[in-house]
Amino acid sequence: MQETDFSCLQCGHCCQALGSELSATAEDVALWEEHGRDDILAWVDEVAPGIYDLWIHPRTGEDVRRCPWLRKLPGQEKFICCIQDMKPEVCRNYPVSKKHAEETGCKGL
């Protein structure tokens, strides 16, 4: 999808209704390790060598329905990502297509 097709409206929809199929790349994990981001790594589960599930609650081991890094802007109906500069590839690449945006309820098209 071309960048001109998508403009994030900061509605938070994509981060408030997570599916259970989010994963991090080995590069994501290496970046977090390099920057000492144990806070992020606590929410990652290595299910097999080089295969990482996101966002897994550190105390319960369960998938979370809402991204732990999403914050609502005070007095607004907008949301921000608290790990914008470190967010995983799966988040940086959302949505992957117009069909994907439509299927997931993205309003940024």
Protein backbone atom coordinates (compact mmCIF):
# COMPACT_ATOMS: atom_id res chain seq x y z
CA MET A 1 0.00 0.00 0.00
CA GLN A 2 1.33 3.43 -0.86
CA GLU A 3 1.81 5.90 1.97
CA THR A 4 -0.52 8.38 0.24
CA ASP A 5 -3.38 5.89 0.62
CA PHE A 6 -3.16 5.96 4.41
CA SER A 7 -3.18 8.75 6.95
CA CYS A 8 -3.28 7.80 10.62
CA LEU A 9 -6.15 9.56 12.38
CA GLN A 10 -4.86 8.56 15.83
CA CYS A 11 -8.22 6.96 16.58
CA GLY A 12 -6.52 4.09 18.42
CA HIS A 13 -8.83 1.51 16.89
CA CYS A 14 -6.01 -0.74 15.66
CA CYS A 15 -4.37 -0.79 19.08
CA GLN A 16 -7.55 -1.23 21.12
CA ALA A 17 -8.75 -4.37 19.39
CA LEU A 18 -5.66 -6.52 19.00
CA GLY A 19 -5.82 -9.95 17.50
CA SER A 20 -3.84 -12.83 18.93
CA GLU A 21 -1.54 -13.10 15.93
CA LEU A 22 0.83 -10.20 16.54
CA SER A 23 4.49 -11.05 16.38
CA ALA A 24 7.83 -9.31 16.63
CA THR A 25 10.76 -9.86 14.33
CA ALA A 26 14.20 -10.87 15.52
CA GLU A 27 15.28 -7.34 14.50
CA ASP A 28 12.61 -5.82 16.76
CA VAL A 29 13.83 -7.88 19.71
CA ALA A 30 17.49 -7.07 18.95
CA LEU A 31 16.67 -3.34 18.89
CA TRP A 32 14.89 -3.53 22.25
CA GLU A 33 17.77 -5.50 23.75
CA GLU A 34 20.33 -3.04 22.34
CA HIS A 35 18.46 -0.11 23.91
CA GLY A 36 17.87 -1.87 27.22
CA ARG A 37 14.08 -1.82 26.76
CA ASP A 38 13.28 -4.51 29.30
CA ASP A 39 9.89 -2.81 29.73
CA ILE A 40 8.99 -3.77 26.15
CA LEU A 41 10.67 -7.17 26.30
CA ALA A 42 8.57 -8.07 29.35
CA TRP A 43 5.53 -8.14 27.03
CA VAL A 44 7.19 -10.46 24.47
CA ASP A 45 7.10 -14.25 24.55
CA GLU A 46 9.61 -16.29 22.56
CA VAL A 47 7.48 -19.27 21.51
CA ALA A 48 10.25 -20.90 19.47
CA PRO A 49 13.78 -19.86 18.54
CA GLY A 50 13.42 -16.54 16.67
CA ILE A 51 9.60 -16.53 16.90
CA TYR A 52 8.13 -13.91 19.23
CA ASP A 53 4.51 -13.29 20.23
CA LEU A 54 3.36 -9.78 21.18
CA TRP A 55 1.75 -8.41 23.59
CA ILE A 56 1.69 -11.08 26.28
CA HIS A 57 0.83 -9.93 29.81
CA PRO A 58 3.96 -10.45 31.92
CA ARG A 59 2.02 -11.62 35.01
CA THR A 60 -0.69 -13.77 33.44
CA GLY A 61 0.97 -15.01 30.24
CA GLU A 62 -2.25 -14.16 28.36
CA ASP A 63 -2.64 -12.18 25.12
CA VAL A 64 -3.88 -8.67 25.85
CA ARG A 65 -6.76 -7.14 23.90
CA ARG A 66 -5.38 -3.58 24.03
CA CYS A 67 -1.80 -2.54 23.33
CA PRO A 68 -0.02 -1.77 26.60
CA TRP A 69 1.74 1.20 24.95
CA LEU A 70 -1.38 3.04 23.80
CA ARG A 71 -2.24 6.26 25.65
CA LYS A 72 -5.22 8.58 25.19
CA LEU A 73 -4.36 12.24 24.79
CA PRO A 74 -5.94 14.30 27.58
CA GLY A 75 -9.17 16.01 26.58
CA GLN A 76 -9.09 14.55 23.06
CA GLU A 77 -10.40 11.54 21.20
CA LYS A 78 -6.88 10.80 19.95
CA PHE A 79 -4.32 8.24 21.01
CA ILE A 80 -0.54 8.04 20.85
CA CYS A 81 1.97 5.22 20.89
CA CYS A 82 4.34 5.48 23.85
CA ILE A 83 6.98 3.44 22.02
CA GLN A 84 6.64 5.19 18.65
CA ASP A 85 10.41 5.20 18.05
CA MET A 86 10.67 1.52 19.08
CA LYS A 87 7.40 0.02 17.92
CA PRO A 88 7.58 -3.36 16.21
CA GLU A 89 7.57 -3.83 12.48
CA VAL A 90 4.02 -5.23 12.51
CA CYS A 91 2.81 -1.90 13.92
CA ARG A 92 4.98 0.25 11.64
CA ASN A 93 3.54 -1.54 8.61
CA TYR A 94 -0.15 -1.29 9.58
CA PRO A 95 -2.29 -1.51 7.54
CA VAL A 96 -0.68 -3.85 5.04
CA SER A 97 -3.36 -3.31 2.40
CA LYS A 98 -6.64 -1.51 1.80
CA LYS A 99 -8.44 -4.82 2.34
CA HIS A 100 -6.61 -5.30 5.65
CA ALA A 101 -7.57 -1.77 6.73
CA GLU A 102 -11.21 -2.43 5.87
CA GLU A 103 -11.20 -5.81 7.65
CA THR A 104 -9.72 -4.32 10.81
CA GLY A 105 -11.86 -1.18 10.87
CA CYS A 106 -9.09 1.31 10.13
CA LYS A 107 -10.54 4.75 9.46
CA GLY A 108 -7.30 6.19 8.05
CA LEU A 109 -8.06 5.48 4.39
